[in-house]
């Protein structure tokens, strides 16, 4: 064994570092080969120590939360994999209503008829939450996003209700600047703590550090690791927010859970309009143009098989990363051949394939 690996095992404790651990046991889609070393960080100290140790020893480092949109290759991941399970939060400060804000809260809380043709209709759930006090909440990077949303709503803290139904951690929400309906996560960030992936230095950063874009941040291009983040939330109408949270999750329930989310980013509207498709969703192309929903399968992977949404590649029966990638390549080829546009995967690919 590489002497550096042995050093990791010694410093992080032999009973906590797993050798050649199958990542299929730790990824949302249950796919992935072995990690050379696997360590679960359950505290702030765990996370910082493990990251700094890997940086100091110059060992390849991968930090994962739920791995809910990450495909790990069949040959696994070299170096150290840290499972970020650090979960803590605290309310730091309650502020006044921002000066000049007028109270504006509008959401139709009537029972909504289920429309299978428009499962993601968001219009009646969208509102601007102003005219209510702000609340600063500090939360650890490994905190479960679904659990954190429920916890804050139960304590009368609102703002994150639109991110219902998204699996993952707070780190994933920041890293990808996730979207819920028309809301993006980035605007909620006030400041954060990171470990510099090159030096191991702990730094406090402001929101502009992240360079948030649609479904992306600057962390896609660097090796920094998020430790915790302070969010600017609201002391709003918790009952209305809970209704929005529940209703939005219900409408998204057509999304299969044994997947990595939508496989591809939707193409530009001009591409959709040129082809005369009613929606930019790649799921429409798969289901209505290719006719593959519930029918097409590669190995153990299916496209929308047995579920209400066809934009997801699912692990139906012992799928491998190769099965998944073969599906990705095939759909990209079909789309480019028929539409003349190259689809961009939204899934992250980690490790060796």
Protein backbone atom coordinates (compact mmCIF):
# COMPACT_ATOMS: atom_id res chain seq x y z
CA UNK A 1 0.00 0.00 0.00
CA UNK A 2 1.13 3.54 -0.81
CA UNK A 3 2.79 4.98 2.30
CA UNK A 4 0.64 8.10 2.02
CA UNK A 5 -2.48 5.93 2.18
CA UNK A 6 -1.15 4.29 5.31
CA UNK A 7 -0.62 7.75 6.81
CA UNK A 8 -4.27 8.61 6.09
CA UNK A 9 -5.41 5.42 7.82
CA UNK A 10 -3.24 6.10 10.86
CA UNK A 11 -4.28 9.73 11.31
CA UNK A 12 -8.00 9.27 10.64
CA UNK A 13 -8.21 5.98 12.59
CA UNK A 14 -8.01 2.50 11.13
CA UNK A 15 -11.52 1.62 12.25
CA UNK A 16 -13.00 4.59 10.36
CA UNK A 17 -11.13 4.39 7.03
CA UNK A 18 -12.45 1.70 4.69
CA UNK A 19 -10.15 0.26 2.01
CA UNK A 20 -11.50 -0.60 -1.46
CA UNK A 21 -15.01 0.34 -0.36
CA UNK A 22 -17.66 -0.19 -3.10
CA UNK A 23 -19.15 3.20 -3.97
CA UNK A 24 -22.35 1.48 -5.08
CA UNK A 25 -23.16 1.37 -1.36
CA UNK A 26 -22.91 5.15 -1.05
CA UNK A 27 -24.31 6.66 -4.26
CA UNK A 28 -27.93 7.60 -4.83
CA UNK A 29 -28.22 5.40 -7.92
CA UNK A 30 -26.36 2.45 -6.33
CA UNK A 31 -23.66 2.36 -9.02
CA UNK A 32 -19.88 2.69 -8.63
CA UNK A 33 -16.65 0.77 -8.21
CA UNK A 34 -14.31 0.81 -5.18
CA UNK A 35 -12.77 3.85 -3.54
CA UNK A 36 -9.13 3.34 -2.56
CA UNK A 37 -9.91 4.90 0.82
CA UNK A 38 -13.34 5.90 2.16
CA UNK A 39 -13.95 8.05 5.25
CA UNK A 40 -17.17 9.43 6.71
CA UNK A 41 -16.77 12.89 8.24
CA UNK A 42 -19.45 13.35 10.89
CA UNK A 43 -18.13 16.58 12.47
CA UNK A 44 -16.59 19.86 11.39
CA UNK A 45 -13.25 18.71 12.77
CA UNK A 46 -13.49 15.43 10.84
CA UNK A 47 -14.12 17.21 7.57
CA UNK A 48 -11.40 19.82 7.90
CA UNK A 49 -8.79 17.34 9.17
CA UNK A 50 -9.43 14.85 6.36
CA UNK A 51 -9.33 17.51 3.64
CA UNK A 52 -6.19 19.14 4.99
CA UNK A 53 -4.50 15.75 5.34
CA UNK A 54 -5.20 14.83 1.73
CA UNK A 55 -3.93 18.23 0.56
CA UNK A 56 -0.76 17.93 2.65
CA UNK A 57 -0.02 14.41 1.38
CA UNK A 58 -0.96 15.31 -2.20
CA UNK A 59 -3.51 12.51 -2.43
CA UNK A 60 -6.42 12.75 -4.90
CA UNK A 61 -9.50 13.88 -2.99
CA UNK A 62 -13.21 13.48 -3.70
CA UNK A 63 -15.84 14.85 -1.35
CA UNK A 64 -19.39 13.56 -1.76
CA UNK A 65 -22.68 14.06 0.04
CA UNK A 66 -25.59 11.99 -1.20
CA UNK A 67 -23.99 11.64 -4.65
CA UNK A 68 -27.50 12.27 -5.95
CA UNK A 69 -26.34 13.56 -9.34
CA UNK A 70 -22.92 11.89 -9.51
CA UNK A 71 -22.09 8.78 -11.51
CA UNK A 72 -19.05 6.90 -10.21
CA UNK A 73 -17.15 4.81 -12.74
CA UNK A 74 -17.09 1.01 -12.56
CA UNK A 75 -13.34 1.07 -11.86
CA UNK A 76 -13.88 3.27 -8.81
CA UNK A 77 -12.16 6.36 -7.42
CA UNK A 78 -8.46 6.76 -6.71
CA UNK A 79 -7.26 8.41 -3.53
CA UNK A 80 -9.46 9.44 -0.60
CA UNK A 81 -13.25 9.73 -0.77
CA UNK A 82 -14.84 11.72 2.04
CA UNK A 83 -18.54 11.22 2.72
CA UNK A 84 -19.63 14.57 4.14
CA UNK A 85 -22.10 13.76 6.92
CA UNK A 86 -21.39 16.86 9.06
CA UNK A 87 -24.81 18.12 10.24
CA UNK A 88 -25.17 21.17 12.48
CA UNK A 89 -27.06 24.42 12.31
CA UNK A 90 -27.83 27.48 14.40
CA UNK A 91 -29.88 30.65 14.12
CA UNK A 92 -27.36 33.47 14.30
CA UNK A 93 -29.46 36.60 14.22
CA UNK A 94 -32.95 37.89 13.54
CA UNK A 95 -33.00 41.14 11.58
CA UNK A 96 -35.61 43.79 10.91
CA UNK A 97 -37.64 44.01 7.75
CA UNK A 98 -35.25 45.43 5.12
CA UNK A 99 -35.82 49.17 4.69
CA UNK A 100 -38.12 50.11 1.85
CA UNK A 101 -39.64 46.65 1.43
CA UNK A 102 -43.37 46.41 1.04
CA UNK A 103 -45.15 43.29 2.17
CA UNK A 104 -45.88 41.11 -0.86
CA UNK A 105 -46.95 37.55 -0.43
CA UNK A 106 -49.08 35.87 -3.04
CA UNK A 107 -49.60 32.15 -3.44
CA UNK A 108 -52.78 30.35 -4.33
CA UNK A 109 -53.21 27.77 -1.57
CA UNK A 110 -56.30 26.12 -3.02
CA UNK A 111 -56.15 22.37 -3.62
CA UNK A 112 -54.74 22.02 -7.13
CA UNK A 113 -56.07 19.48 -9.60
CA UNK A 114 -53.39 17.02 -10.72
CA UNK A 115 -52.55 17.66 -14.38
CA UNK A 116 -50.30 14.93 -15.73
CA UNK A 117 -49.61 17.00 -18.84
CA UNK A 118 -48.18 19.83 -16.71
CA UNK A 119 -46.60 18.18 -13.65
CA UNK A 120 -44.10 21.00 -13.13
CA UNK A 121 -46.48 23.96 -13.43
CA UNK A 122 -45.09 26.37 -10.85
CA UNK A 123 -47.07 29.55 -11.43
CA UNK A 124 -49.51 29.28 -8.52
CA UNK A 125 -46.68 28.41 -6.10
CA UNK A 126 -44.41 31.33 -6.91
CA UNK A 127 -44.34 34.46 -4.79
CA UNK A 128 -41.88 37.06 -3.57
CA UNK A 129 -41.40 36.92 0.18
CA UNK A 130 -40.78 40.51 1.24
CA UNK A 131 -41.96 42.76 4.03
CA UNK A 132 -41.08 40.17 6.69
CA UNK A 133 -37.99 40.01 8.96
CA UNK A 134 -34.81 38.37 7.76
CA UNK A 135 -33.13 35.54 9.68
CA UNK A 136 -29.46 34.56 9.39
CA UNK A 137 -28.97 30.80 9.73
CA UNK A 138 -25.61 29.02 9.72
CA UNK A 139 -25.73 25.43 8.47
CA UNK A 140 -23.08 22.77 7.90
CA UNK A 141 -22.26 21.61 4.40
CA UNK A 142 -23.20 17.98 5.03
CA UNK A 143 -26.68 18.74 6.33
CA UNK A 144 -29.46 16.94 4.44
CA UNK A 145 -31.24 19.56 2.32
CA UNK A 146 -34.70 17.92 2.64
CA UNK A 147 -34.30 17.60 6.42
CA UNK A 148 -33.03 21.17 6.76
CA UNK A 149 -35.99 22.58 4.82
CA UNK A 150 -38.45 20.74 7.05
CA UNK A 151 -36.58 21.78 10.22
CA UNK A 152 -36.53 25.48 9.31
CA UNK A 153 -40.21 25.50 8.29
CA UNK A 154 -41.17 23.81 11.56
CA UNK A 155 -39.35 26.62 13.37
CA UNK A 156 -41.17 29.30 11.41
CA UNK A 157 -38.22 30.12 9.14
CA UNK A 158 -39.14 30.33 5.46
CA UNK A 159 -37.41 30.78 2.13
CA UNK A 160 -36.33 27.31 1.07
CA UNK A 161 -39.78 25.80 0.47
CA UNK A 162 -39.29 25.92 -3.29
CA UNK A 163 -36.41 23.43 -3.13
CA UNK A 164 -38.71 20.61 -2.03
CA UNK A 165 -38.10 17.20 -3.55
CA UNK A 166 -34.42 17.74 -4.31
CA UNK A 167 -32.19 15.03 -2.78
CA UNK A 168 -28.75 15.98 -1.50
CA UNK A 169 -26.90 18.14 1.00
CA UNK A 170 -26.45 21.85 1.58
CA UNK A 171 -23.01 21.57 -0.06
CA UNK A 172 -24.61 20.17 -3.21
CA UNK A 173 -27.19 22.97 -3.20
CA UNK A 174 -24.45 25.61 -3.07
CA UNK A 175 -22.04 23.79 -5.40
CA UNK A 176 -24.68 23.47 -8.13
CA UNK A 177 -26.68 26.61 -7.34
CA UNK A 178 -29.74 24.38 -7.56
CA UNK A 179 -33.05 25.63 -8.84
CA UNK A 180 -36.55 25.03 -7.51
CA UNK A 181 -39.11 26.34 -9.96
CA UNK A 182 -37.78 29.82 -10.77
CA UNK A 183 -35.80 30.13 -7.54
CA UNK A 184 -32.01 29.68 -7.35
CA UNK A 185 -30.13 28.79 -4.17
CA UNK A 186 -27.27 31.25 -4.64
CA UNK A 187 -29.18 34.44 -3.68
CA UNK A 188 -29.75 33.01 -0.19
CA UNK A 189 -26.00 32.77 0.53
CA UNK A 190 -24.59 35.55 2.73
CA UNK A 191 -21.14 34.08 3.44
CA UNK A 192 -19.41 30.72 3.77
CA UNK A 193 -16.40 28.87 5.16
CA UNK A 194 -14.25 26.79 2.82
CA UNK A 195 -11.06 24.77 2.93
CA UNK A 196 -8.76 25.81 0.10
CA UNK A 197 -8.22 22.69 -2.02
CA UNK A 198 -4.67 23.71 -2.93
CA UNK A 199 -3.27 24.99 0.36
CA UNK A 200 -5.56 23.52 3.03
CA UNK A 201 -6.16 27.02 4.40
CA UNK A 202 -9.53 27.73 6.05
CA UNK A 203 -11.09 30.85 4.54
CA UNK A 204 -14.24 32.93 4.96
CA UNK A 205 -15.71 33.94 1.60
CA UNK A 206 -18.41 36.31 0.38
CA UNK A 207 -21.15 35.41 -2.13
CA UNK A 208 -19.20 36.79 -5.11
CA UNK A 209 -16.57 34.08 -4.55
CA UNK A 210 -19.04 31.51 -5.90
CA UNK A 211 -19.72 33.28 -9.21
CA UNK A 212 -23.15 31.67 -9.24
CA UNK A 213 -24.68 30.81 -12.60
CA UNK A 214 -27.59 28.62 -13.62
CA UNK A 215 -26.93 25.20 -12.07
CA UNK A 216 -23.28 26.02 -11.48
CA UNK A 217 -20.77 27.84 -9.29
CA UNK A 218 -17.05 28.58 -9.25
CA UNK A 219 -16.58 25.44 -7.17
CA UNK A 220 -17.02 23.39 -10.34
CA UNK A 221 -13.63 24.68 -11.47
CA UNK A 222 -11.63 24.58 -8.25
CA UNK A 223 -10.78 22.04 -5.56
CA UNK A 224 -12.15 23.96 -2.59
CA UNK A 225 -14.39 22.22 -0.05
CA UNK A 226 -17.40 23.88 1.57
CA UNK A 227 -17.47 23.61 5.38
CA UNK A 228 -20.53 25.69 6.29
CA UNK A 229 -22.66 28.49 4.91
CA UNK A 230 -24.69 31.34 6.37
CA UNK A 231 -28.05 31.76 4.66
CA UNK A 232 -30.30 34.81 4.60
CA UNK A 233 -33.81 33.44 5.16
CA UNK A 234 -37.12 34.95 6.33
CA UNK A 235 -39.53 34.89 9.26
CA UNK A 236 -42.48 34.61 6.88
CA UNK A 237 -45.81 32.82 6.65
CA UNK A 238 -44.76 29.32 7.68
CA UNK A 239 -48.15 27.71 7.00
CA UNK A 240 -48.22 28.98 3.44
CA UNK A 241 -44.58 27.97 2.96
CA UNK A 242 -45.35 24.46 4.23
CA UNK A 243 -48.20 24.18 1.74
CA UNK A 244 -45.93 25.27 -1.12
CA UNK A 245 -43.28 22.78 0.04
CA UNK A 246 -45.76 19.89 0.14
CA UNK A 247 -47.50 20.77 -3.12
CA UNK A 248 -44.28 21.31 -5.08
CA UNK A 249 -42.93 17.98 -3.82
CA UNK A 250 -46.17 16.30 -4.90
CA UNK A 251 -45.88 17.64 -8.42
CA UNK A 252 -42.29 16.48 -8.65
CA UNK A 253 -43.18 12.98 -7.44
CA UNK A 254 -43.18 11.78 -11.06
CA UNK A 255 -39.39 11.93 -10.88
CA UNK A 256 -37.89 8.47 -10.29
CA UNK A 257 -35.74 8.19 -7.18
CA UNK A 258 -33.35 5.45 -8.37
CA UNK A 259 -31.73 7.89 -10.78
CA UNK A 260 -29.38 10.87 -10.86
CA UNK A 261 -32.05 13.39 -11.75
CA UNK A 262 -32.53 14.77 -15.24
CA UNK A 263 -29.74 13.31 -17.34
CA UNK A 264 -29.43 16.23 -19.77
CA UNK A 265 -29.79 20.00 -19.62
CA UNK A 266 -32.67 21.19 -21.75
CA UNK A 267 -31.62 22.62 -25.11
CA UNK A 268 -32.27 26.31 -25.95
CA UNK A 269 -35.85 27.30 -26.83
CA UNK A 270 -34.85 28.15 -30.39
CA UNK A 271 -33.87 24.50 -30.92
CA UNK A 272 -37.22 23.36 -29.51
CA UNK A 273 -39.18 25.84 -31.64
CA UNK A 274 -37.28 24.89 -34.79
CA UNK A 275 -38.33 21.26 -34.35
CA UNK A 276 -41.90 22.13 -33.36
CA UNK A 277 -41.66 20.31 -30.04
CA UNK A 278 -44.11 21.59 -27.35
CA UNK A 279 -41.43 21.54 -24.64
CA UNK A 280 -37.61 21.65 -24.45
CA UNK A 281 -37.63 18.64 -22.11
CA UNK A 282 -35.41 15.82 -23.35
CA UNK A 283 -38.02 13.55 -21.76
CA UNK A 284 -40.47 14.57 -24.50
CA UNK A 285 -37.94 13.58 -27.16
CA UNK A 286 -37.28 10.20 -25.51
CA UNK A 287 -40.96 9.40 -24.97
CA UNK A 288 -42.68 10.83 -28.05
CA UNK A 289 -39.99 10.99 -30.73
CA UNK A 290 -37.94 7.90 -29.92
CA UNK A 291 -40.77 5.99 -28.20
CA UNK A 292 -38.35 4.56 -25.65
CA UNK A 293 -40.18 5.21 -22.38
CA UNK A 294 -40.92 1.88 -20.63
CA UNK A 295 -39.37 0.02 -23.57
CA UNK A 296 -35.69 0.78 -24.19
CA UNK A 297 -33.12 -0.78 -21.89
CA UNK A 298 -29.33 -1.15 -21.90
CA UNK A 299 -28.10 -3.74 -19.43
CA UNK A 300 -29.71 -2.85 -16.11
CA UNK A 301 -30.45 0.75 -17.06
CA UNK A 302 -33.77 2.02 -18.42
CA UNK A 303 -35.00 5.39 -19.68
CA UNK A 304 -37.99 6.43 -17.61
CA UNK A 305 -38.86 2.77 -17.31
CA UNK A 306 -41.92 2.26 -15.14
CA UNK A 307 -42.04 5.92 -14.06
CA UNK A 308 -43.87 9.07 -15.04
CA UNK A 309 -40.91 11.01 -16.43
CA UNK A 310 -38.75 9.93 -19.35
CA UNK A 311 -35.80 12.33 -18.90
CA UNK A 312 -34.18 10.13 -16.26
CA UNK A 313 -31.89 7.15 -16.75
CA UNK A 314 -32.75 4.77 -13.93
CA UNK A 315 -31.04 1.79 -12.35
CA UNK A 316 -33.72 -0.81 -12.96
CA UNK A 317 -31.77 -3.95 -12.25
CA UNK A 318 -28.10 -3.93 -11.29
CA UNK A 319 -27.04 -1.30 -13.82
CA UNK A 320 -23.36 -0.49 -14.24
CA UNK A 321 -21.75 2.85 -15.02
CA UNK A 322 -21.07 1.49 -18.51
CA UNK A 323 -24.78 0.80 -19.01
CA UNK A 324 -25.55 4.35 -17.97
CA UNK A 325 -22.86 5.89 -20.18
CA UNK A 326 -23.92 3.80 -23.18
CA UNK A 327 -27.42 5.22 -22.73
CA UNK A 328 -26.04 8.77 -22.49
CA UNK A 329 -24.04 8.34 -25.68
CA UNK A 330 -26.95 6.77 -27.55
CA UNK A 331 -29.43 9.53 -26.67
CA UNK A 332 -26.87 12.22 -27.51
CA UNK A 333 -26.31 10.61 -30.91
CA UNK A 334 -30.04 10.26 -31.64
CA UNK A 335 -30.71 13.87 -30.66
CA UNK A 336 -27.81 15.25 -32.68
CA UNK A 337 -28.73 13.15 -35.73
CA UNK A 338 -32.38 14.25 -35.67
CA UNK A 339 -32.19 17.75 -34.24
CA UNK A 340 -28.64 18.89 -35.01
CA UNK A 341 -27.85 19.90 -31.45
CA UNK A 342 -25.42 18.28 -29.00
CA UNK A 343 -27.01 17.67 -25.61
CA UNK A 344 -25.06 18.50 -22.45
CA UNK A 345 -25.29 16.04 -19.54
CA UNK A 346 -26.25 17.52 -16.16
CA UNK A 347 -24.78 14.54 -14.34
CA UNK A 348 -21.25 14.67 -12.86
CA UNK A 349 -18.90 11.83 -13.79
CA UNK A 350 -16.36 10.86 -11.12
CA UNK A 351 -13.64 8.22 -11.02
CA UNK A 352 -12.43 5.78 -13.64
CA UNK A 353 -14.75 4.34 -16.26
